[in-house]
Structures are given as structure tokens and as C-alpha cells.
Amino acid sequence: MDYLKSFRQQAGLTQRQMAEALNLSYGYYRQMENDFRKPSFEILVRIKEKFREIDMNKLFEE
């Protein structure tokens, strides 16, 4: 998910910090960011709740 990676980098977070913010394991988050795993609806909700400025439409385009 290029947009998620770009957003994380702009926020100045490491993958580990982003995973912790979303209450995910580091491995699970890394798999999502590298397109090995798609985020569930629940995780998308967590992303939006934690990072209100994220454009969810961009996540669905990928």
C-alpha cells in the first residue's frame, strides 16, 4: 500500500511506531504496507480514527 507507506513517512513514523499506534503487530503491519496482506475493515476504521487526516479513498484505490 504505497499510500499508507507515504502517509506513514510524512507523519515521521517508523513501521513499528505505526503498528503500535494501530494496535497491530509489527509483522502484520509490514505485510499490509508491502501488499502481502489487505487490511480488514476493522483496521481501516482504526487507521481513520487514529489519523483523521488520511484520505481513505486513496487506500481503496490500491
C-alpha atoms as a PDB file:
ATOM      1  CA  MET A   1       0.000   0.000   0.000  1.00  0.00           C
ATOM      2  CA  ASP A   2       2.073   2.833  -1.321  1.00  0.00           C
ATOM      3  CA  TYR A   3      -0.256   5.494   0.051  1.00  0.00           C
ATOM      4  CA  LEU A   4      -0.120   4.045   3.560  1.00  0.00           C
ATOM      5  CA  LYS A   5       3.688   3.957   3.418  1.00  0.00           C
ATOM      6  CA  SER A   6       3.822   7.511   2.089  1.00  0.00           C
ATOM      7  CA  PHE A   7       1.415   8.709   4.773  1.00  0.00           C
ATOM      8  CA  ARG A   8       3.441   6.985   7.498  1.00  0.00           C
ATOM      9  CA  GLN A   9       6.668   8.536   6.263  1.00  0.00           C
ATOM     10  CA  GLN A  10       5.107  12.008   6.085  1.00  0.00           C
ATOM     11  CA  ALA A  11       3.921  11.536   9.670  1.00  0.00           C
ATOM     12  CA  GLY A  12       7.523  10.751  10.637  1.00  0.00           C
ATOM     13  CA  LEU A  13       6.691   7.294  11.971  1.00  0.00           C
ATOM     14  CA  THR A  14       8.575   4.039  11.623  1.00  0.00           C
ATOM     15  CA  GLN A  15       6.697   0.901  10.658  1.00  0.00           C
ATOM     16  CA  ARG A  16       6.977  -0.260  14.263  1.00  0.00           C
ATOM     17  CA  GLN A  17       5.535   3.023  15.592  1.00  0.00           C
ATOM     18  CA  MET A  18       2.672   2.900  13.088  1.00  0.00           C
ATOM     19  CA  ALA A  19       1.925  -0.701  14.064  1.00  0.00           C
ATOM     20  CA  GLU A  20       1.858   0.257  17.740  1.00  0.00           C
ATOM     21  CA  ALA A  21      -0.420   3.235  17.038  1.00  0.00           C
ATOM     22  CA  LEU A  22      -2.871   0.899  15.301  1.00  0.00           C
ATOM     23  CA  ASN A  23      -2.536  -1.850  17.933  1.00  0.00           C
ATOM     24  CA  LEU A  24      -1.119  -4.281  15.357  1.00  0.00           C
ATOM     25  CA  SER A  25       1.930  -6.494  15.419  1.00  0.00           C
ATOM     26  CA  TYR A  26       4.914  -5.129  13.547  1.00  0.00           C
ATOM     27  CA  GLY A  27       4.885  -8.111  11.184  1.00  0.00           C
ATOM     28  CA  TYR A  28       1.207  -7.717  10.359  1.00  0.00           C
ATOM     29  CA  TYR A  29       1.600  -4.009   9.625  1.00  0.00           C
ATOM     30  CA  ARG A  30       4.695  -4.621   7.498  1.00  0.00           C
ATOM     31  CA  GLN A  31       2.799  -7.206   5.445  1.00  0.00           C
ATOM     32  CA  MET A  32      -0.016  -4.704   4.858  1.00  0.00           C
ATOM     33  CA  GLU A  33       2.367  -1.965   3.777  1.00  0.00           C
ATOM     34  CA  ASN A  34       4.186  -4.347   1.425  1.00  0.00           C
ATOM     35  CA  ASP A  35       0.948  -5.633  -0.166  1.00  0.00           C
ATOM     36  CA  PHE A  36       1.200  -9.146   1.264  1.00  0.00           C
ATOM     37  CA  ARG A  37      -1.950  -8.636   3.322  1.00  0.00           C
ATOM     38  CA  LYS A  38      -5.015  -6.459   2.826  1.00  0.00           C
ATOM     39  CA  PRO A  39      -6.316  -4.525   5.832  1.00  0.00           C
ATOM     40  CA  SER A  40      -9.630  -5.652   7.250  1.00  0.00           C
ATOM     41  CA  PHE A  41     -12.498  -3.207   7.659  1.00  0.00           C
ATOM     42  CA  GLU A  42     -11.716  -3.052  11.390  1.00  0.00           C
ATOM     43  CA  ILE A  43      -8.135  -1.999  10.678  1.00  0.00           C
ATOM     44  CA  LEU A  44      -9.288   0.622   8.174  1.00  0.00           C
ATOM     45  CA  VAL A  45     -11.533   2.040  10.899  1.00  0.00           C
ATOM     46  CA  ARG A  46      -8.582   2.133  13.302  1.00  0.00           C
ATOM     47  CA  ILE A  47      -6.478   3.975  10.707  1.00  0.00           C
ATOM     48  CA  LYS A  48      -9.196   6.580  10.200  1.00  0.00           C
ATOM     49  CA  GLU A  49      -9.811   7.024  13.935  1.00  0.00           C
ATOM     50  CA  LYS A  50      -6.109   7.446  14.717  1.00  0.00           C
ATOM     51  CA  PHE A  51      -5.186   9.537  11.667  1.00  0.00           C
ATOM     52  CA  ARG A  52      -8.187  11.651  10.721  1.00  0.00           C
ATOM     53  CA  GLU A  53      -6.242  13.489   8.014  1.00  0.00           C
ATOM     54  CA  ILE A  54      -5.643  10.329   5.978  1.00  0.00           C
ATOM     55  CA  ASP A  55      -7.536  10.155   2.675  1.00  0.00           C
ATOM     56  CA  MET A  56      -9.333   6.810   2.853  1.00  0.00           C
ATOM     57  CA  ASN A  57     -10.205   6.993  -0.847  1.00  0.00           C
ATOM     58  CA  LYS A  58      -6.501   6.627  -1.617  1.00  0.00           C
ATOM     59  CA  LEU A  59      -6.376   3.398   0.373  1.00  0.00           C
ATOM     60  CA  PHE A  60      -9.276   1.950  -1.618  1.00  0.00           C
ATOM     61  CA  GLU A  61      -7.674   2.882  -4.948  1.00  0.00           C
ATOM     62  CA  GLU A  62      -4.799   0.476  -4.365  1.00  0.00           C
END
